[in-house]
Amino acid sequence: MELNHLVTGKIALNQYVHRLEQKDVLFYVHYWGAMTNHYNTLLHKHSFYEICYVVRGEGYYLEGDRTYPLREQTIFLSKPDHLHQIKSETGLFLFYVAFELSEDQSSAEWIKVMEKVKQSPLITMQMKAGEPPGLLWKTLMLQAAQPVNTFDKEILSHLSHALILSLIQTFLPAAHRSKQKQPIHTSSALLTEVKLHIKDNLSQPLKLTDVASHFHISGRHLSRLFAAELGVSYSEFVQNEKINKAAELLKSTTLSIKEIAEEIGFSVHYFTRIFSAKIGSSPGLFRSLYKDSKMTAFQINKPFQKTEQAKPHE
């Protein structure tokens, strides 16, 4: 794949991406760079972090009394106040970025993370093709090299933040990286999918066996998920969602009782009976009581009460 055209991406990045901020961390980006034929530098140092990615070529990185070989897919880190030098006889195709943490606008945890990076013995890392840092960097440069479009600044900012985090993770000591990893709760993710499916298909029967089959699990497994994580049975959850939906339709639309019953997959008689049992009021009376209310949301677990604004009528 020809990558020389990606060099122009540094123009947009240097124009748009200077601050990378999330709720507990802020990075200042001093510059973004890309060069197809990078040869030798003087021995020098920075007051910030600089990370380089070898897209193509061979050379050496010198720091202190150590010499590190550079080749395609090598990522190397220059830490603040460390004298260093890059050498190459044939030229290196490099992407590079210079940044620092804004400590007064970042959490104590992030300050500790960057201190661990600073103290880490890791200087160079040899990436394999397809690993996140290299792919993210190429994707970022590709996006930045495109003609300007509506969401370019937002896309570049998010990709840049993801890249910086990926690079920091690369140079964290292995022990700290493993501590940072959180367990993946696959059951919670599955339950989220099922709940969304139910909410988007309330006009359907939503039988336990059918929904379980749709998600390629057993009905027993699905029942256990609802009981263990929500504390309710599958059927109770579905019924509550249907009644909540009906209550919202009664409050916010002029649909007839029959039409609302159809929207949640019930016959009008069954709907009236279940709604009255759950809410303590018939659908018609509920609509009358709430039509002038300022309430904008209704949940079945809230007791049904007549408000001062409500004006009941027969």
Protein backbone atom coordinates (compact mmCIF):
# COMPACT_ATOMS: atom_id res chain seq x y z
CA MET A 1 0.00 0.00 0.00
CA GLU A 2 1.40 3.40 -1.02
CA LEU A 3 1.41 5.65 2.03
CA ASN A 4 3.35 8.73 0.89
CA HIS A 5 0.14 10.72 0.36
CA LEU A 6 -0.64 10.43 4.09
CA VAL A 7 2.12 12.92 4.88
CA THR A 8 -0.23 15.79 4.04
CA GLY A 9 -2.42 14.72 6.95
CA LYS A 10 -0.09 16.53 9.34
CA ILE A 11 -1.37 19.86 8.00
CA ALA A 12 -4.94 19.30 9.19
CA LEU A 13 -3.77 17.76 12.47
CA ASN A 14 -1.54 20.73 13.26
CA GLN A 15 -4.40 23.05 12.40
CA TYR A 16 -7.17 21.36 14.38
CA VAL A 17 -5.81 19.02 17.05
CA HIS A 18 -4.02 20.77 19.92
CA ARG A 19 -6.05 19.77 23.00
CA LEU A 20 -7.24 16.24 23.72
CA GLU A 21 -9.60 16.36 26.66
CA GLN A 22 -11.82 13.91 28.49
CA LYS A 23 -13.47 14.19 31.89
CA ASP A 24 -10.34 13.35 33.91
CA VAL A 25 -7.43 14.04 31.56
CA LEU A 26 -6.10 16.74 29.24
CA PHE A 27 -3.20 16.37 26.82
CA TYR A 28 -1.60 19.26 24.98
CA VAL A 29 -0.32 18.29 21.54
CA HIS A 30 2.64 20.46 20.51
CA TYR A 31 2.94 19.15 16.97
CA TRP A 32 2.15 16.32 14.58
CA GLY A 33 4.77 15.24 12.07
CA ALA A 34 5.24 13.02 9.04
CA MET A 35 8.33 12.70 6.85
CA THR A 36 9.04 10.23 4.06
CA ASN A 37 12.85 10.54 4.19
CA HIS A 38 14.10 11.30 7.68
CA TYR A 39 17.87 10.91 8.01
CA ASN A 40 19.91 12.22 10.94
CA THR A 41 19.20 14.58 13.83
CA LEU A 42 21.49 16.38 16.22
CA LEU A 43 21.73 15.11 19.78
CA HIS A 44 18.88 16.96 21.48
CA LYS A 45 16.14 16.78 24.11
CA HIS A 46 12.53 17.91 24.66
CA SER A 47 10.55 19.11 27.66
CA PHE A 48 7.66 16.85 26.56
CA TYR A 49 7.03 13.36 25.22
CA GLU A 50 7.66 12.55 21.57
CA ILE A 51 6.63 9.23 20.06
CA CYS A 52 7.67 8.14 16.57
CA TYR A 53 6.38 5.33 14.36
CA VAL A 54 8.53 3.85 11.60
CA VAL A 55 6.26 3.35 8.62
CA ARG A 56 9.14 2.24 6.42
CA GLY A 57 12.95 2.13 6.41
CA GLU A 58 15.79 1.30 8.80
CA GLY A 59 17.98 3.25 11.17
CA TYR A 60 18.98 3.69 14.80
CA TYR A 61 17.72 5.52 17.86
CA LEU A 62 20.41 6.60 20.34
CA GLU A 63 19.70 7.52 23.96
CA GLY A 64 22.28 7.63 26.71
CA ASP A 65 24.81 4.90 26.04
CA ARG A 66 22.27 2.67 24.27
CA THR A 67 21.62 2.20 20.56
CA TYR A 68 18.28 0.77 19.45
CA PRO A 69 17.67 -0.59 15.95
CA LEU A 70 14.75 0.88 14.03
CA ARG A 71 12.79 -0.84 11.28
CA GLU A 72 9.29 -0.97 9.85
CA GLN A 73 6.62 -1.11 12.59
CA THR A 74 8.98 0.11 15.35
CA ILE A 75 7.49 2.64 17.76
CA PHE A 76 9.94 4.56 19.93
CA LEU A 77 9.53 6.97 22.82
CA SER A 78 11.59 10.04 23.70
CA LYS A 79 10.92 11.07 27.30
CA PRO A 80 11.19 14.61 28.68
CA ASP A 81 14.75 15.84 29.27
CA HIS A 82 16.38 12.70 27.78
CA LEU A 83 19.11 13.43 25.23
CA HIS A 84 18.54 11.40 22.08
CA GLN A 85 19.37 11.16 18.41
CA ILE A 86 17.98 9.48 15.28
CA LYS A 87 20.27 8.16 12.55
CA SER A 88 19.53 6.58 9.17
CA GLU A 89 21.68 6.19 6.09
CA THR A 90 18.80 5.26 3.78
CA GLY A 91 16.05 7.42 5.27
CA LEU A 92 13.11 6.62 7.52
CA PHE A 93 9.43 7.19 6.75
CA LEU A 94 8.21 8.47 10.13
CA PHE A 95 4.99 9.57 11.75
CA TYR A 96 5.54 11.41 15.05
CA VAL A 97 3.66 13.33 17.70
CA ALA A 98 4.77 15.53 20.60
CA PHE A 99 2.53 15.93 23.64
CA GLU A 100 2.38 16.38 27.40
CA LEU A 101 -0.11 15.88 30.20
CA SER A 102 -1.69 18.98 31.71
CA GLU A 103 -1.30 17.94 35.35
CA ASP A 104 -3.45 20.71 36.83
CA GLN A 105 -6.36 19.63 34.62
CA SER A 106 -5.92 15.88 34.98
CA SER A 107 -6.72 13.43 37.75
CA ALA A 108 -4.20 12.10 40.24
CA GLU A 109 -4.58 8.68 38.63
CA TRP A 110 -3.49 10.02 35.25
CA ILE A 111 -0.51 11.77 36.80
CA LYS A 112 0.52 8.40 38.26
CA VAL A 113 0.06 6.71 34.89
CA MET A 114 2.35 9.19 33.14
CA GLU A 115 4.90 8.88 35.93
CA LYS A 116 4.96 5.13 35.33
CA VAL A 117 5.54 5.76 31.62
CA LYS A 118 8.37 8.14 32.50
CA GLN A 119 9.99 5.56 34.79
CA SER A 120 9.42 2.65 32.41
CA PRO A 121 12.52 1.03 30.88
CA LEU A 122 10.66 0.63 27.58
CA ILE A 123 12.10 2.80 24.82
CA THR A 124 11.28 0.96 21.60
CA MET A 125 8.51 -1.50 20.83
CA GLN A 126 8.34 -3.67 17.73
CA MET A 127 4.73 -3.85 16.58
CA LYS A 128 3.22 -6.60 14.49
CA ALA A 129 1.20 -5.77 11.40
CA GLY A 130 -2.40 -5.15 12.41
CA GLU A 131 -1.73 -4.10 16.01
CA PRO A 132 -3.76 -1.09 17.24
CA PRO A 133 -1.13 1.69 17.48
CA GLY A 134 0.02 1.34 13.87
CA LEU A 135 -3.49 0.91 12.50
CA LEU A 136 -4.79 3.88 14.49
CA TRP A 137 -1.96 6.11 13.32
CA LYS A 138 -2.44 5.20 9.65
CA THR A 139 -6.21 5.64 9.98
CA LEU A 140 -5.72 9.05 11.60
CA MET A 141 -3.34 10.21 8.86
CA LEU A 142 -5.64 8.89 6.16
CA GLN A 143 -8.60 10.76 7.65
CA ALA A 144 -6.54 13.94 8.07
CA ALA A 145 -5.38 13.79 4.44
CA GLN A 146 -8.96 13.83 3.12
CA PRO A 147 -10.71 16.97 1.85
CA VAL A 148 -12.40 18.92 4.64
CA ASN A 149 -15.87 17.63 5.54
CA THR A 150 -18.52 18.46 8.12
CA PHE A 151 -17.32 16.31 11.03
CA ASP A 152 -13.57 16.36 10.32
CA LYS A 153 -12.55 18.17 13.50
CA GLU A 154 -14.57 15.84 15.72
CA ILE A 155 -13.35 12.71 13.93
CA LEU A 156 -9.71 13.83 14.06
CA SER A 157 -10.02 14.71 17.75
CA HIS A 158 -11.50 11.32 18.70
CA LEU A 159 -9.01 9.36 16.58
CA SER A 160 -6.12 11.40 18.00
CA HIS A 161 -7.23 10.76 21.56
CA ALA A 162 -7.55 7.03 20.87
CA LEU A 163 -4.06 7.02 19.35
CA ILE A 164 -2.44 8.84 22.28
CA LEU A 165 -4.06 6.46 24.78
CA SER A 166 -2.96 3.46 22.71
CA LEU A 167 0.61 4.76 22.58
CA ILE A 168 0.70 5.42 26.32
CA GLN A 169 -0.59 1.92 26.98
CA THR A 170 2.14 0.52 24.71
CA PHE A 171 4.86 2.03 26.90
CA LEU A 172 3.32 1.21 30.27
CA PRO A 173 5.08 -1.58 32.17
CA ALA A 174 3.29 -4.89 31.58
CA ALA A 175 2.29 -5.28 35.25
CA HIS A 176 0.46 -1.94 35.23
CA ARG A 177 -1.26 -2.70 31.92
CA SER A 178 -2.73 -5.89 33.36
CA LYS A 179 -3.99 -4.04 36.46
CA GLN A 180 -5.76 -1.51 34.28
CA LYS A 181 -7.76 -4.13 32.41
CA GLN A 182 -11.30 -4.56 33.63
CA PRO A 183 -13.15 -7.86 33.36
CA ILE A 184 -15.46 -8.16 30.38
CA HIS A 185 -19.02 -8.87 31.47
CA THR A 186 -20.41 -10.72 28.47
CA SER A 187 -23.69 -11.49 30.22
CA SER A 188 -24.37 -7.78 30.82
CA ALA A 189 -23.67 -6.99 27.18
CA LEU A 190 -26.04 -9.73 26.06
CA LEU A 191 -28.74 -8.55 28.44
CA THR A 192 -28.41 -5.02 27.07
CA GLU A 193 -28.99 -6.34 23.55
CA VAL A 194 -32.02 -8.32 24.65
CA LYS A 195 -33.55 -5.35 26.49
CA LEU A 196 -33.12 -3.12 23.45
CA HIS A 197 -34.68 -5.79 21.24
CA ILE A 198 -37.69 -5.97 23.56
CA LYS A 199 -38.15 -2.19 23.70
CA ASP A 200 -37.96 -1.90 19.91
CA ASN A 201 -40.45 -4.72 19.27
CA LEU A 202 -43.20 -4.25 21.84
CA SER A 203 -45.94 -4.90 19.28
CA GLN A 204 -44.65 -8.47 18.86
CA PRO A 205 -45.52 -11.45 21.12
CA LEU A 206 -41.93 -11.58 22.47
CA LYS A 207 -42.21 -15.15 23.74
CA LEU A 208 -39.28 -16.24 25.86
CA THR A 209 -38.38 -19.15 23.58
CA ASP A 210 -38.55 -16.99 20.44
CA VAL A 211 -36.35 -14.22 21.83
CA ALA A 212 -33.87 -16.74 23.27
CA SER A 213 -33.65 -18.41 19.86
CA HIS A 214 -33.11 -15.02 18.19
CA PHE A 215 -30.04 -14.50 20.40
CA HIS A 216 -28.85 -18.12 20.01
CA ILE A 217 -29.20 -19.01 23.68
CA SER A 218 -31.54 -21.28 25.63
CA GLY A 219 -34.73 -20.03 27.26
CA ARG A 220 -33.38 -21.19 30.60
CA HIS A 221 -30.23 -19.09 30.16
CA LEU A 222 -32.29 -16.02 29.25
CA SER A 223 -34.53 -16.48 32.30
CA ARG A 224 -31.46 -16.71 34.54
CA LEU A 225 -30.03 -13.50 33.08
CA PHE A 226 -33.13 -11.49 33.97
CA ALA A 227 -33.43 -12.99 37.44
CA ALA A 228 -29.72 -12.60 38.27
CA GLU A 229 -29.08 -9.11 36.87
CA LEU A 230 -32.47 -7.37 37.08
CA GLY A 231 -34.21 -9.26 39.86
CA VAL A 232 -37.35 -9.78 37.78
CA SER A 233 -38.61 -12.57 35.56
CA TYR A 234 -38.45 -12.26 31.78
CA SER A 235 -42.24 -12.14 31.46
CA GLU A 236 -42.55 -9.46 34.15
CA PHE A 237 -39.94 -7.30 32.41
CA VAL A 238 -41.72 -7.58 29.06
CA GLN A 239 -45.10 -6.80 30.58
CA ASN A 240 -43.73 -3.79 32.45
CA GLU A 241 -42.14 -2.43 29.27
CA LYS A 242 -45.40 -2.83 27.38
CA ILE A 243 -47.38 -1.03 30.10
CA ASN A 244 -44.80 1.77 30.34
CA LYS A 245 -45.00 2.22 26.58
CA ALA A 246 -48.79 2.29 26.73
CA ALA A 247 -48.72 4.90 29.49
CA GLU A 248 -46.47 7.14 27.39
CA LEU A 249 -48.76 6.77 24.37
CA LEU A 250 -51.80 7.59 26.49
CA LYS A 251 -50.11 10.75 27.73
CA SER A 252 -48.51 11.96 24.52
CA THR A 253 -50.75 10.85 21.63
CA THR A 254 -54.39 10.83 20.57
CA LEU A 255 -54.31 7.16 19.59
CA SER A 256 -57.40 5.24 20.62
CA ILE A 257 -57.24 2.64 23.41
CA LYS A 258 -57.58 -0.08 20.76
CA GLU A 259 -54.68 1.35 18.71
CA ILE A 260 -52.46 1.59 21.78
CA ALA A 261 -53.28 -2.00 22.70
CA GLU A 262 -52.18 -3.05 19.21
CA GLU A 263 -48.94 -1.05 19.57
CA ILE A 264 -47.95 -3.25 22.51
CA GLY A 265 -49.27 -6.52 21.09
CA PHE A 266 -52.33 -6.90 23.35
CA SER A 267 -56.04 -7.24 22.64
CA VAL A 268 -58.00 -4.28 23.93
CA HIS A 269 -59.68 -6.36 26.65
CA TYR A 270 -56.42 -7.90 27.89
CA PHE A 271 -54.71 -4.50 27.76
CA THR A 272 -57.44 -2.86 29.85
CA ARG A 273 -57.30 -5.64 32.45
CA ILE A 274 -53.50 -5.70 32.77
CA PHE A 275 -53.13 -1.92 32.70
CA SER A 276 -55.75 -1.49 35.42
CA ALA A 277 -54.10 -4.15 37.58
CA LYS A 278 -50.63 -2.62 37.20
CA ILE A 279 -51.49 1.07 37.39
CA GLY A 280 -54.61 1.07 39.53
CA SER A 281 -56.63 2.92 36.91
CA SER A 282 -58.21 2.11 33.58
CA PRO A 283 -56.43 3.43 30.45
CA GLY A 284 -59.21 5.95 29.82
CA LEU A 285 -59.12 7.38 33.34
CA PHE A 286 -55.33 7.45 33.31
CA ARG A 287 -55.40 9.54 30.13
CA SER A 288 -57.92 11.94 31.66
CA LEU A 289 -55.93 12.37 34.85
CA TYR A 290 -52.62 12.97 33.10
CA LYS A 291 -53.57 14.91 29.99
CA ASP A 292 -52.94 18.29 31.65
CA SER A 293 -50.07 17.09 33.83
CA LYS A 294 -46.58 18.50 33.43
CA MET A 295 -45.12 15.01 33.82
CA THR A 296 -43.18 13.97 30.73
CA ALA A 297 -42.21 10.46 31.76
CA PHE A 298 -43.97 7.60 33.48
CA GLN A 299 -42.51 4.49 35.06
CA ILE A 300 -44.55 1.57 36.24
CA ASN A 301 -42.65 1.34 39.50
CA LYS A 302 -43.93 4.79 40.53
CA PRO A 303 -47.27 4.83 42.37
CA PHE A 304 -50.17 6.25 40.41
CA GLN A 305 -51.33 9.49 42.02
CA LYS A 306 -53.65 12.27 41.03
CA THR A 307 -51.69 15.53 40.76
CA GLU A 308 -52.96 19.00 41.57
CA GLN A 309 -52.83 19.90 37.90
CA ALA A 310 -54.94 16.93 36.86
CA LYS A 311 -58.61 17.56 36.11
CA PRO A 312 -60.48 14.25 36.18
CA HIS A 313 -63.78 13.93 34.43
CA GLU A 314 -66.10 11.12 33.58
